[in-house]
N, C-alpha and C. Protein backbone atom coordinates (compact mmCIF):
# COMPACT_ATOMS: atom_id res chain seq x y z
N SER A 1 0.82 -1.19 -0.03
CA SER A 1 0.02 -0.03 0.01
C SER A 1 0.90 1.25 -0.03
N ALA A 2 0.21 2.41 -0.15
CA ALA A 2 0.92 3.66 -0.19
C ALA A 2 1.72 3.93 1.14
N ILE A 3 1.10 3.58 2.29
CA ILE A 3 1.79 3.78 3.52
C ILE A 3 3.02 2.93 3.66
N VAL A 4 2.89 1.67 3.18
CA VAL A 4 4.05 0.76 3.22
C VAL A 4 5.21 1.33 2.43
N PHE A 5 4.91 1.87 1.25
CA PHE A 5 5.94 2.44 0.40
C PHE A 5 6.57 3.68 1.01
N TYR A 6 5.68 4.53 1.62
CA TYR A 6 6.18 5.76 2.24
C TYR A 6 7.12 5.45 3.40
N TYR A 7 6.77 4.46 4.19
CA TYR A 7 7.53 4.11 5.40
C TYR A 7 8.42 2.91 5.17
N ARG A 8 8.77 2.63 3.89
CA ARG A 8 9.47 1.36 3.55
C ARG A 8 10.78 1.14 4.29
N LEU A 9 11.52 2.18 4.51
CA LEU A 9 12.79 2.06 5.22
C LEU A 9 12.63 1.68 6.65
N ILE A 10 11.63 2.40 7.32
CA ILE A 10 11.33 2.10 8.68
C ILE A 10 10.75 0.65 8.86
N ILE A 11 9.92 0.32 7.89
CA ILE A 11 9.28 -1.02 7.96
C ILE A 11 10.35 -2.13 7.80
N LYS A 12 11.29 -1.89 6.89
CA LYS A 12 12.38 -2.82 6.70
C LYS A 12 13.13 -3.08 8.01
N THR A 13 13.42 -1.98 8.69
CA THR A 13 14.09 -2.11 9.99
C THR A 13 13.26 -2.79 11.05
N LEU A 14 11.95 -2.45 11.09
CA LEU A 14 11.03 -3.05 12.00
C LEU A 14 10.97 -4.59 11.83
N ILE A 15 10.86 -5.02 10.55
CA ILE A 15 10.78 -6.46 10.29
C ILE A 15 12.11 -7.17 10.75
N ALA A 16 13.18 -6.60 10.35
CA ALA A 16 14.50 -7.20 10.71
C ALA A 16 14.67 -7.30 12.18
N ASP A 17 14.39 -6.22 12.87
CA ASP A 17 14.57 -6.22 14.33
C ASP A 17 13.52 -7.10 15.04
N PHE A 18 12.36 -7.24 14.48
CA PHE A 18 11.34 -8.14 15.07
C PHE A 18 11.82 -9.57 15.05
N PHE A 19 12.29 -10.02 13.90
CA PHE A 19 12.79 -11.47 13.82
C PHE A 19 14.05 -11.64 14.64
N HIS A 20 14.89 -10.60 14.72
CA HIS A 20 16.08 -10.73 15.65
C HIS A 20 15.64 -10.85 17.07
N SER A 21 14.61 -10.14 17.45
CA SER A 21 14.16 -10.25 18.81
C SER A 21 13.51 -11.58 19.18
N VAL A 22 12.89 -12.21 18.15
CA VAL A 22 12.29 -13.52 18.32
C VAL A 22 13.42 -14.53 18.54
N VAL A 23 14.45 -14.43 17.70
CA VAL A 23 15.58 -15.43 17.78
C VAL A 23 16.35 -15.24 19.06
N LYS A 24 16.63 -13.98 19.46
CA LYS A 24 17.45 -13.65 20.66
C LYS A 24 16.62 -13.58 21.96
N VAL A 25 15.27 -13.62 21.77
CA VAL A 25 14.39 -13.51 22.92
C VAL A 25 14.70 -12.30 23.80
N GLN A 26 14.93 -11.14 23.10
CA GLN A 26 15.24 -9.92 23.82
C GLN A 26 14.94 -8.74 22.87
N THR A 27 14.81 -7.56 23.45
CA THR A 27 14.49 -6.35 22.66
C THR A 27 15.79 -6.08 21.77
N VAL A 28 15.51 -5.86 20.50
CA VAL A 28 16.60 -5.52 19.57
C VAL A 28 16.14 -4.36 18.72
N GLY A 29 16.95 -3.20 18.83
CA GLY A 29 16.66 -2.05 18.00
C GLY A 29 15.20 -1.57 18.10
N GLU A 30 14.47 -1.63 17.00
CA GLU A 30 13.13 -1.17 16.96
C GLU A 30 12.08 -2.27 17.11
N SER A 31 12.50 -3.43 17.74
CA SER A 31 11.65 -4.56 17.84
C SER A 31 10.47 -4.23 18.79
N LYS A 32 10.63 -3.41 19.79
CA LYS A 32 9.57 -3.03 20.70
C LYS A 32 8.45 -2.32 19.89
N LEU A 33 8.82 -1.46 18.99
CA LEU A 33 7.86 -0.75 18.16
C LEU A 33 7.06 -1.75 17.27
N ALA A 34 7.86 -2.70 16.71
CA ALA A 34 7.24 -3.73 15.85
C ALA A 34 6.23 -4.55 16.64
N TRP A 35 6.59 -4.98 17.81
CA TRP A 35 5.68 -5.72 18.69
C TRP A 35 4.48 -4.85 19.05
N GLY A 36 4.74 -3.64 19.28
CA GLY A 36 3.65 -2.69 19.62
C GLY A 36 2.61 -2.60 18.48
N ILE A 37 3.09 -2.55 17.29
CA ILE A 37 2.19 -2.47 16.12
C ILE A 37 1.35 -3.72 16.03
N LEU A 38 1.96 -4.92 16.23
CA LEU A 38 1.19 -6.14 16.17
C LEU A 38 0.20 -6.25 17.34
N LEU A 39 0.62 -5.93 18.52
CA LEU A 39 -0.26 -6.05 19.68
C LEU A 39 -1.37 -4.96 19.64
N GLY A 40 -1.05 -3.81 19.06
CA GLY A 40 -2.03 -2.77 18.94
C GLY A 40 -3.09 -3.02 17.94
N THR A 41 -2.89 -4.04 17.09
CA THR A 41 -3.88 -4.42 16.06
C THR A 41 -4.90 -5.35 16.65
N ILE A 42 -4.61 -6.02 17.74
CA ILE A 42 -5.47 -7.08 18.26
C ILE A 42 -6.86 -6.52 18.62
N PRO A 43 -7.02 -5.38 19.28
CA PRO A 43 -8.35 -4.89 19.65
C PRO A 43 -9.30 -4.70 18.52
N VAL A 44 -8.83 -3.97 17.45
CA VAL A 44 -9.67 -3.79 16.27
C VAL A 44 -10.00 -5.12 15.54
N GLY A 45 -9.03 -5.99 15.56
CA GLY A 45 -9.29 -7.34 14.98
C GLY A 45 -10.44 -8.09 15.69
N LEU A 46 -10.37 -8.08 16.97
CA LEU A 46 -11.34 -8.83 17.80
C LEU A 46 -12.72 -8.17 17.68
N VAL A 47 -12.78 -6.84 17.78
CA VAL A 47 -14.05 -6.14 17.69
C VAL A 47 -14.62 -6.28 16.31
N GLY A 48 -13.76 -6.23 15.29
CA GLY A 48 -14.25 -6.38 13.92
C GLY A 48 -14.87 -7.73 13.66
N LEU A 49 -14.18 -8.80 14.11
CA LEU A 49 -14.73 -10.12 13.96
C LEU A 49 -16.00 -10.34 14.73
N ALA A 50 -16.12 -9.75 15.93
CA ALA A 50 -17.26 -9.92 16.82
C ALA A 50 -18.51 -9.12 16.33
N PHE A 51 -18.26 -7.95 15.81
CA PHE A 51 -19.35 -7.08 15.54
C PHE A 51 -19.51 -6.61 14.09
N LYS A 52 -18.84 -7.37 13.21
CA LYS A 52 -18.84 -6.95 11.75
C LYS A 52 -20.27 -6.88 11.22
N ASP A 53 -21.06 -7.87 11.42
CA ASP A 53 -22.41 -7.87 10.87
C ASP A 53 -23.28 -6.82 11.51
N THR A 54 -23.11 -6.59 12.85
CA THR A 54 -23.86 -5.62 13.59
C THR A 54 -23.58 -4.20 13.00
N ILE A 55 -22.30 -3.96 12.82
CA ILE A 55 -21.90 -2.61 12.26
C ILE A 55 -22.44 -2.41 10.87
N GLU A 56 -22.36 -3.45 10.05
CA GLU A 56 -22.86 -3.31 8.67
C GLU A 56 -24.35 -3.09 8.63
N LEU A 57 -25.14 -3.73 9.52
CA LEU A 57 -26.57 -3.68 9.50
C LEU A 57 -27.17 -2.48 10.20
N THR A 58 -26.52 -1.98 11.29
CA THR A 58 -27.14 -0.99 12.09
C THR A 58 -26.44 0.41 12.11
N LEU A 59 -25.22 0.45 11.67
CA LEU A 59 -24.48 1.73 11.79
C LEU A 59 -24.21 2.38 10.43
N ARG A 60 -24.67 1.81 9.37
CA ARG A 60 -24.42 2.43 8.00
C ARG A 60 -25.50 3.38 7.73
N SER A 61 -25.54 4.48 8.41
CA SER A 61 -26.56 5.50 8.16
C SER A 61 -25.90 6.92 8.17
N THR A 62 -26.52 7.83 7.42
CA THR A 62 -25.98 9.21 7.36
C THR A 62 -25.92 9.84 8.79
N GLU A 63 -26.92 9.54 9.56
CA GLU A 63 -26.97 10.12 10.94
C GLU A 63 -25.80 9.65 11.77
N VAL A 64 -25.55 8.40 11.70
CA VAL A 64 -24.39 7.81 12.48
C VAL A 64 -23.08 8.43 12.02
N ILE A 65 -22.90 8.50 10.69
CA ILE A 65 -21.68 9.04 10.18
C ILE A 65 -21.52 10.53 10.57
N ALA A 66 -22.64 11.26 10.51
CA ALA A 66 -22.60 12.68 10.88
C ALA A 66 -22.23 12.87 12.33
N TYR A 67 -22.80 12.13 13.23
CA TYR A 67 -22.46 12.29 14.64
C TYR A 67 -21.09 11.80 14.98
N ALA A 68 -20.65 10.69 14.30
CA ALA A 68 -19.29 10.22 14.48
C ALA A 68 -18.30 11.28 14.02
N THR A 69 -18.55 11.92 12.91
CA THR A 69 -17.66 12.91 12.35
C THR A 69 -17.60 14.12 13.34
N LEU A 70 -18.68 14.50 13.95
CA LEU A 70 -18.71 15.56 14.90
C LEU A 70 -18.03 15.22 16.22
N VAL A 71 -18.39 14.09 16.77
CA VAL A 71 -17.85 13.69 18.08
C VAL A 71 -16.32 13.49 18.01
N PHE A 72 -15.86 12.77 16.97
CA PHE A 72 -14.42 12.49 16.89
C PHE A 72 -13.64 13.72 16.40
N GLY A 73 -14.37 14.59 15.74
CA GLY A 73 -13.72 15.92 15.38
C GLY A 73 -13.44 16.74 16.65
N LEU A 74 -14.44 16.77 17.55
CA LEU A 74 -14.29 17.48 18.77
C LEU A 74 -13.24 16.80 19.68
N LEU A 75 -13.17 15.44 19.68
CA LEU A 75 -12.16 14.73 20.44
C LEU A 75 -10.77 15.08 19.91
N LEU A 76 -10.66 15.16 18.63
CA LEU A 76 -9.32 15.53 18.05
C LEU A 76 -8.92 16.91 18.58
N GLY A 77 -9.88 17.86 18.51
CA GLY A 77 -9.64 19.20 19.04
C GLY A 77 -9.19 19.20 20.50
N LEU A 78 -9.86 18.35 21.28
CA LEU A 78 -9.52 18.26 22.69
C LEU A 78 -8.09 17.72 22.78
N GLY A 79 -7.76 16.72 21.98
CA GLY A 79 -6.43 16.10 22.01
C GLY A 79 -5.32 17.15 21.72
N ILE A 80 -5.64 18.02 20.72
CA ILE A 80 -4.70 19.05 20.35
C ILE A 80 -4.49 20.03 21.46
N LEU A 81 -5.58 20.48 22.14
CA LEU A 81 -5.50 21.47 23.18
C LEU A 81 -4.78 20.91 24.38
N VAL A 82 -5.07 19.66 24.77
CA VAL A 82 -4.43 19.04 25.88
C VAL A 82 -2.95 18.88 25.66
N ASN A 83 -2.63 18.48 24.38
CA ASN A 83 -1.25 18.25 24.04
C ASN A 83 -0.41 19.52 24.04
N VAL A 84 -1.01 20.60 23.54
CA VAL A 84 -0.35 21.90 23.53
C VAL A 84 -0.06 22.49 24.91
N LYS A 85 -0.93 22.21 25.85
CA LYS A 85 -0.83 22.74 27.22
C LYS A 85 0.13 21.96 28.04
N ARG A 86 0.63 20.76 27.55
CA ARG A 86 1.59 20.04 28.36
C ARG A 86 2.92 20.71 28.40
N ALA A 87 3.61 20.60 29.49
CA ALA A 87 4.99 21.19 29.63
C ALA A 87 5.96 20.52 28.62
N SER A 88 5.71 19.27 28.37
CA SER A 88 6.56 18.55 27.41
C SER A 88 5.80 17.36 26.86
N VAL A 89 6.20 16.88 25.67
CA VAL A 89 5.57 15.73 25.06
C VAL A 89 6.61 14.63 24.92
N ARG A 90 6.08 13.36 24.89
CA ARG A 90 6.99 12.21 24.81
C ARG A 90 7.24 11.80 23.35
N LYS A 91 8.41 11.28 23.14
CA LYS A 91 8.74 10.76 21.79
C LYS A 91 9.01 9.29 21.72
N THR A 92 8.64 8.62 22.82
CA THR A 92 8.75 7.15 22.88
C THR A 92 7.39 6.58 23.31
N ILE A 93 7.08 5.36 22.81
CA ILE A 93 5.82 4.72 23.09
C ILE A 93 6.08 3.54 23.99
N ASP A 94 5.29 3.47 25.11
CA ASP A 94 5.39 2.29 26.02
C ASP A 94 4.19 1.37 25.80
N TRP A 95 4.14 0.28 26.58
CA TRP A 95 3.08 -0.68 26.32
C TRP A 95 1.68 -0.18 26.70
N LEU A 96 1.58 0.70 27.68
CA LEU A 96 0.28 1.25 28.01
C LEU A 96 -0.24 2.13 26.88
N ASP A 97 0.73 2.82 26.21
CA ASP A 97 0.34 3.67 25.07
C ASP A 97 -0.20 2.76 23.92
N VAL A 98 0.47 1.66 23.70
CA VAL A 98 0.03 0.67 22.66
C VAL A 98 -1.34 0.21 23.00
N GLY A 99 -1.61 -0.21 24.23
CA GLY A 99 -2.95 -0.69 24.56
C GLY A 99 -4.00 0.34 24.42
N PHE A 100 -3.74 1.56 24.82
CA PHE A 100 -4.76 2.64 24.66
C PHE A 100 -5.03 3.00 23.19
N ILE A 101 -3.94 3.25 22.46
CA ILE A 101 -4.10 3.61 21.03
C ILE A 101 -4.72 2.48 20.23
N GLY A 102 -4.34 1.24 20.52
CA GLY A 102 -4.94 0.06 19.86
C GLY A 102 -6.40 -0.07 20.15
N SER A 103 -6.77 0.19 21.41
CA SER A 103 -8.20 0.12 21.76
C SER A 103 -9.00 1.21 21.09
N MET A 104 -8.39 2.40 21.01
CA MET A 104 -9.07 3.49 20.34
C MET A 104 -9.22 3.21 18.84
N GLN A 105 -8.30 2.51 18.26
CA GLN A 105 -8.37 2.18 16.86
C GLN A 105 -9.65 1.38 16.53
N ALA A 106 -10.08 0.61 17.52
CA ALA A 106 -11.29 -0.16 17.30
C ALA A 106 -12.53 0.71 17.01
N LEU A 107 -12.49 1.98 17.52
CA LEU A 107 -13.55 2.85 17.29
C LEU A 107 -13.64 3.27 15.80
N ALA A 108 -12.55 3.06 15.08
CA ALA A 108 -12.58 3.36 13.63
C ALA A 108 -13.51 2.47 12.86
N LEU A 109 -14.01 1.42 13.47
CA LEU A 109 -14.98 0.57 12.81
C LEU A 109 -16.35 1.26 12.74
N ILE A 110 -16.58 2.32 13.55
CA ILE A 110 -17.84 3.08 13.44
C ILE A 110 -17.73 3.96 12.16
N PRO A 111 -18.69 3.84 11.28
CA PRO A 111 -18.68 4.65 10.05
C PRO A 111 -18.62 6.14 10.40
N GLY A 112 -17.78 6.86 9.72
CA GLY A 112 -17.60 8.28 9.95
C GLY A 112 -16.40 8.57 10.74
N THR A 113 -15.71 7.52 11.29
CA THR A 113 -14.55 7.69 12.12
C THR A 113 -13.32 7.49 11.30
N SER A 114 -12.39 8.42 11.33
CA SER A 114 -11.11 8.30 10.60
C SER A 114 -10.15 7.40 11.41
N ARG A 115 -9.63 6.33 10.77
CA ARG A 115 -8.75 5.45 11.49
C ARG A 115 -7.45 6.15 11.91
N SER A 116 -6.86 6.93 11.00
CA SER A 116 -5.67 7.69 11.39
C SER A 116 -6.04 8.83 12.39
N GLY A 117 -7.18 9.44 12.18
CA GLY A 117 -7.63 10.49 13.03
C GLY A 117 -7.79 10.06 14.46
N ILE A 118 -8.43 8.90 14.71
CA ILE A 118 -8.72 8.47 16.06
C ILE A 118 -7.41 7.98 16.75
N THR A 119 -6.47 7.46 15.98
CA THR A 119 -5.23 6.93 16.61
C THR A 119 -4.26 8.11 16.86
N ILE A 120 -4.28 9.09 16.01
CA ILE A 120 -3.50 10.29 16.29
C ILE A 120 -4.04 11.06 17.51
N THR A 121 -5.39 11.12 17.56
CA THR A 121 -6.02 11.74 18.74
C THR A 121 -5.63 11.02 20.02
N ALA A 122 -5.66 9.69 20.02
CA ALA A 122 -5.28 8.92 21.17
C ALA A 122 -3.82 9.20 21.61
N GLY A 123 -2.94 9.33 20.63
CA GLY A 123 -1.57 9.62 20.97
C GLY A 123 -1.40 11.03 21.60
N LEU A 124 -2.15 11.96 21.05
CA LEU A 124 -2.08 13.33 21.59
C LEU A 124 -2.60 13.36 23.02
N LEU A 125 -3.73 12.63 23.26
CA LEU A 125 -4.31 12.65 24.60
C LEU A 125 -3.42 12.12 25.65
N ILE A 126 -2.55 11.15 25.32
CA ILE A 126 -1.69 10.59 26.38
C ILE A 126 -0.31 11.22 26.41
N GLY A 127 -0.11 12.30 25.64
CA GLY A 127 1.09 13.04 25.77
C GLY A 127 2.19 12.73 24.76
N LEU A 128 1.89 11.99 23.69
CA LEU A 128 2.89 11.76 22.64
C LEU A 128 2.98 13.00 21.74
N SER A 129 4.11 13.20 21.16
CA SER A 129 4.26 14.34 20.22
C SER A 129 3.42 14.09 18.96
N ARG A 130 3.08 15.13 18.29
CA ARG A 130 2.27 14.99 17.04
C ARG A 130 3.00 14.13 16.02
N GLN A 131 4.32 14.26 15.87
CA GLN A 131 5.08 13.52 14.90
C GLN A 131 5.03 12.02 15.26
N VAL A 132 5.24 11.69 16.51
CA VAL A 132 5.23 10.27 16.97
C VAL A 132 3.83 9.73 16.83
N SER A 133 2.83 10.49 17.24
CA SER A 133 1.42 10.02 17.13
C SER A 133 1.09 9.73 15.71
N THR A 134 1.47 10.59 14.78
CA THR A 134 1.13 10.45 13.33
C THR A 134 1.85 9.24 12.77
N GLN A 135 3.19 9.10 13.07
CA GLN A 135 3.89 7.93 12.51
C GLN A 135 3.36 6.64 13.04
N PHE A 136 3.04 6.56 14.36
CA PHE A 136 2.55 5.29 14.92
C PHE A 136 1.14 5.03 14.34
N ALA A 137 0.31 6.05 14.13
CA ALA A 137 -1.00 5.87 13.60
C ALA A 137 -0.92 5.25 12.22
N PHE A 138 -0.06 5.72 11.39
CA PHE A 138 0.04 5.18 10.04
C PHE A 138 0.63 3.78 10.05
N LEU A 139 1.68 3.55 10.88
CA LEU A 139 2.23 2.20 10.94
C LEU A 139 1.26 1.25 11.51
N LEU A 140 0.45 1.66 12.45
CA LEU A 140 -0.51 0.77 13.08
C LEU A 140 -1.67 0.39 12.09
N SER A 141 -1.87 1.24 11.05
CA SER A 141 -2.93 0.92 10.11
C SER A 141 -2.50 -0.17 9.12
N ILE A 142 -1.22 -0.40 8.98
CA ILE A 142 -0.75 -1.30 7.91
C ILE A 142 -1.31 -2.74 8.09
N PRO A 143 -1.19 -3.37 9.28
CA PRO A 143 -1.72 -4.74 9.41
C PRO A 143 -3.20 -4.82 9.12
N VAL A 144 -3.97 -3.84 9.64
CA VAL A 144 -5.42 -3.81 9.44
C VAL A 144 -5.80 -3.66 7.92
N ILE A 145 -5.14 -2.74 7.27
CA ILE A 145 -5.42 -2.54 5.83
C ILE A 145 -5.00 -3.77 5.08
N THR A 146 -3.89 -4.36 5.39
CA THR A 146 -3.43 -5.56 4.70
C THR A 146 -4.39 -6.76 4.86
N LEU A 147 -4.85 -6.95 6.10
CA LEU A 147 -5.79 -8.06 6.38
C LEU A 147 -7.14 -7.73 5.65
N SER A 148 -7.57 -6.52 5.70
CA SER A 148 -8.82 -6.20 5.02
C SER A 148 -8.80 -6.42 3.60
N ALA A 149 -7.63 -6.06 2.94
CA ALA A 149 -7.47 -6.33 1.48
C ALA A 149 -7.42 -7.81 1.19
N MET A 150 -6.78 -8.60 2.00
CA MET A 150 -6.76 -10.02 1.81
C MET A 150 -8.14 -10.66 1.98
N LEU A 151 -8.92 -10.22 2.91
CA LEU A 151 -10.29 -10.70 3.04
C LEU A 151 -11.15 -10.33 1.85
N MET A 152 -10.91 -9.09 1.33
CA MET A 152 -11.74 -8.66 0.17
C MET A 152 -11.41 -9.49 -1.00
N ILE A 153 -10.11 -9.75 -1.23
CA ILE A 153 -9.66 -10.60 -2.41
C ILE A 153 -10.24 -12.04 -2.20
N PHE A 154 -10.22 -12.53 -0.97
CA PHE A 154 -10.78 -13.86 -0.71
C PHE A 154 -12.26 -13.92 -1.05
N ASP A 155 -12.97 -12.90 -0.59
CA ASP A 155 -14.42 -12.79 -0.87
C ASP A 155 -14.73 -12.77 -2.36
N LEU A 156 -13.90 -11.99 -3.10
CA LEU A 156 -14.07 -11.90 -4.57
C LEU A 156 -13.78 -13.21 -5.23
N TYR A 157 -12.77 -13.93 -4.71
CA TYR A 157 -12.44 -15.20 -5.27
C TYR A 157 -13.54 -16.25 -5.08
N GLN A 158 -14.32 -16.05 -3.98
CA GLN A 158 -15.39 -16.99 -3.68
C GLN A 158 -16.71 -16.68 -4.45
N GLN A 159 -16.71 -15.51 -5.11
CA GLN A 159 -17.92 -15.09 -5.87
C GLN A 159 -18.15 -16.07 -7.00
N PRO A 160 -19.43 -16.45 -7.23
CA PRO A 160 -19.76 -17.36 -8.39
C PRO A 160 -19.50 -16.74 -9.75
N GLN A 161 -19.73 -15.42 -9.85
CA GLN A 161 -19.51 -14.73 -11.12
C GLN A 161 -18.04 -14.48 -11.30
N SER A 162 -17.63 -14.34 -12.56
CA SER A 162 -16.19 -14.09 -12.86
C SER A 162 -15.83 -12.70 -12.46
N VAL A 163 -14.53 -12.56 -12.10
CA VAL A 163 -14.05 -11.27 -11.72
C VAL A 163 -12.96 -10.83 -12.73
N ASP A 164 -13.02 -9.62 -13.18
CA ASP A 164 -12.02 -9.10 -14.14
C ASP A 164 -10.82 -8.67 -13.31
N TRP A 165 -9.86 -9.66 -13.12
CA TRP A 165 -8.69 -9.39 -12.27
C TRP A 165 -7.79 -8.36 -12.84
N LEU A 166 -7.68 -8.29 -14.20
CA LEU A 166 -6.81 -7.33 -14.80
C LEU A 166 -7.27 -5.90 -14.50
N MET A 167 -8.60 -5.63 -14.62
CA MET A 167 -9.10 -4.33 -14.27
C MET A 167 -9.04 -4.04 -12.80
N LEU A 168 -9.16 -5.07 -11.99
CA LEU A 168 -9.04 -4.92 -10.55
C LEU A 168 -7.63 -4.51 -10.14
N MET A 169 -6.64 -5.20 -10.79
CA MET A 169 -5.26 -4.82 -10.49
C MET A 169 -4.89 -3.46 -10.97
N LEU A 170 -5.46 -3.09 -12.16
CA LEU A 170 -5.23 -1.77 -12.70
C LEU A 170 -5.81 -0.68 -11.74
N GLY A 171 -7.02 -0.93 -11.29
CA GLY A 171 -7.68 0.01 -10.29
C GLY A 171 -6.86 0.09 -9.01
N PHE A 172 -6.32 -1.08 -8.60
CA PHE A 172 -5.56 -1.07 -7.33
C PHE A 172 -4.24 -0.29 -7.53
N LEU A 173 -3.64 -0.37 -8.67
CA LEU A 173 -2.35 0.32 -8.96
C LEU A 173 -2.63 1.87 -9.00
N ILE A 174 -3.68 2.28 -9.65
CA ILE A 174 -4.04 3.70 -9.70
C ILE A 174 -4.33 4.24 -8.33
N ALA A 175 -5.12 3.46 -7.57
CA ALA A 175 -5.44 3.83 -6.16
C ALA A 175 -4.26 3.95 -5.32
N ALA A 176 -3.30 2.99 -5.48
CA ALA A 176 -2.11 3.00 -4.68
C ALA A 176 -1.22 4.24 -4.93
N VAL A 177 -1.05 4.59 -6.21
CA VAL A 177 -0.25 5.72 -6.60
C VAL A 177 -0.94 7.01 -6.03
N SER A 178 -2.23 7.12 -6.19
CA SER A 178 -2.99 8.27 -5.69
C SER A 178 -2.84 8.39 -4.17
N ALA A 179 -2.95 7.28 -3.53
CA ALA A 179 -2.91 7.20 -2.07
C ALA A 179 -1.51 7.64 -1.56
N TYR A 180 -0.44 7.22 -2.31
CA TYR A 180 0.87 7.56 -1.90
C TYR A 180 1.06 9.05 -1.88
N PHE A 181 0.65 9.73 -2.96
CA PHE A 181 0.79 11.21 -3.01
C PHE A 181 -0.11 11.89 -2.01
N THR A 182 -1.23 11.28 -1.67
CA THR A 182 -2.08 11.81 -0.63
C THR A 182 -1.43 11.72 0.70
N VAL A 183 -0.79 10.62 1.00
CA VAL A 183 -0.06 10.44 2.29
C VAL A 183 1.04 11.52 2.39
N VAL A 184 1.87 11.63 1.31
CA VAL A 184 2.95 12.64 1.32
C VAL A 184 2.40 14.05 1.54
N PHE A 185 1.31 14.38 0.83
CA PHE A 185 0.70 15.71 0.99
C PHE A 185 0.18 15.91 2.37
N PHE A 186 -0.47 14.88 2.91
CA PHE A 186 -1.11 15.00 4.22
C PHE A 186 0.02 15.21 5.32
N ILE A 187 1.07 14.50 5.27
CA ILE A 187 2.09 14.66 6.28
C ILE A 187 2.83 16.03 6.14
N LYS A 188 3.06 16.48 4.91
CA LYS A 188 3.67 17.77 4.79
C LYS A 188 2.68 18.85 5.22
N LEU A 189 1.38 18.66 4.98
CA LEU A 189 0.37 19.59 5.43
C LEU A 189 0.33 19.67 6.98
N LEU A 190 0.47 18.54 7.62
CA LEU A 190 0.52 18.50 9.12
C LEU A 190 1.66 19.38 9.63
N ASP A 191 2.82 19.23 8.93
CA ASP A 191 3.97 19.94 9.39
C ASP A 191 3.85 21.47 9.27
N SER A 192 3.07 21.86 8.27
CA SER A 192 2.93 23.31 7.93
C SER A 192 1.75 23.99 8.71
N ILE A 193 0.62 23.26 8.78
CA ILE A 193 -0.55 23.91 9.41
C ILE A 193 -1.09 23.25 10.65
N GLY A 194 -0.54 22.07 10.98
CA GLY A 194 -1.01 21.34 12.17
C GLY A 194 -2.32 20.61 11.92
N LEU A 195 -2.95 20.20 12.99
CA LEU A 195 -4.18 19.40 12.89
C LEU A 195 -5.48 20.15 13.07
N MET A 196 -5.43 21.38 13.65
CA MET A 196 -6.66 22.11 13.91
C MET A 196 -7.55 22.38 12.68
N PRO A 197 -7.00 22.57 11.50
CA PRO A 197 -7.88 22.75 10.34
C PRO A 197 -8.74 21.50 10.03
N PHE A 198 -8.18 20.31 10.40
CA PHE A 198 -8.94 19.10 10.15
C PHE A 198 -10.13 18.95 11.17
N VAL A 199 -9.93 19.56 12.34
CA VAL A 199 -11.04 19.64 13.31
C VAL A 199 -12.17 20.49 12.72
N VAL A 200 -11.83 21.65 12.20
CA VAL A 200 -12.81 22.55 11.59
C VAL A 200 -13.51 21.84 10.46
N TYR A 201 -12.76 21.15 9.63
CA TYR A 201 -13.32 20.43 8.45
C TYR A 201 -14.30 19.36 8.94
N ARG A 202 -13.99 18.59 9.97
CA ARG A 202 -14.89 17.56 10.42
C ARG A 202 -16.13 18.15 11.02
N LEU A 203 -16.02 19.26 11.71
CA LEU A 203 -17.19 19.87 12.32
C LEU A 203 -18.13 20.38 11.22
N ILE A 204 -17.60 21.03 10.24
CA ILE A 204 -18.39 21.56 9.15
C ILE A 204 -19.04 20.39 8.38
N LEU A 205 -18.28 19.32 8.08
CA LEU A 205 -18.84 18.21 7.39
C LEU A 205 -19.93 17.53 8.15
N GLY A 206 -19.71 17.38 9.51
CA GLY A 206 -20.73 16.71 10.39
C GLY A 206 -22.03 17.50 10.39
N VAL A 207 -21.93 18.88 10.41
CA VAL A 207 -23.16 19.67 10.44
C VAL A 207 -23.85 19.54 9.05
N VAL A 208 -23.14 19.62 7.99
CA VAL A 208 -23.65 19.49 6.62
C VAL A 208 -24.40 18.19 6.49
N LEU A 209 -23.79 17.06 6.97
CA LEU A 209 -24.46 15.77 6.85
C LEU A 209 -25.74 15.68 7.67
N LEU A 210 -25.75 16.38 8.85
CA LEU A 210 -27.01 16.36 9.66
C LEU A 210 -28.13 17.20 8.95
N ILE A 211 -27.73 18.27 8.24
CA ILE A 211 -28.71 19.12 7.60
C ILE A 211 -29.33 18.42 6.38
N LEU A 212 -28.46 17.70 5.64
CA LEU A 212 -28.94 17.04 4.39
C LEU A 212 -29.97 15.97 4.68
C-alpha cells in the first residue's frame, strides 16, 4: 500500500529487528515498536470479527456518520489542546500507550470515524508528540489494511460470477499511486498547518451531513 511504500525504510528495520528479537528472545533495535504495532492491532481485529455484521446492518446511516464525524472531530480538538498545554511531550511509546491507542483504533469501525484521526487523537491525549502520534498511527494501520485487503480478495475469489482481475489490479495500482501522493501531501500539510484545520473540516462536514 501507499503507507508501506512511504515508510518502507522504517518497515524494513522493524521487520528485521522483530525477527532478531524472536531469535534472541530480547529487545533488539526497533523490535519493541514492531511488537507494539502487532499487539495494537489485536483490539480492532477482535471487535471487527465480533461485531462486523452488527456494524454493517445498524451503523451504516448518514446520521451515525454525521455524529461520529462531529464527536471525533471534537475529540481531536481536545487532544490538540491538551497536548499543546503540556509542559513537554513524549517521543517514545510504551506498552500502556500501545494498549490505549490500539483500543481507540477499534472505534474506527464506526462509520464516519477516521482510522488515522482516532489513533493520532489517542496519541495526543496521552502526551505523545504530534510527529510520533502520526507515525505510529500510520504504521498501526498497515496490518489492518493488509488483512482487510486479503479478506476482500478472498471474498471476490469466492464469488460465483467471474471477476475481471486485470481491471481490478489496474484499479488497485491507480489507487495506490494516488494514495501515496495523498499520504505525502497529508504529512507535509501537518508539518505546515497542524491538525486544527482538520477539526474545523470535520465539524463543518458533520453539520452538513445532519442538515442534508
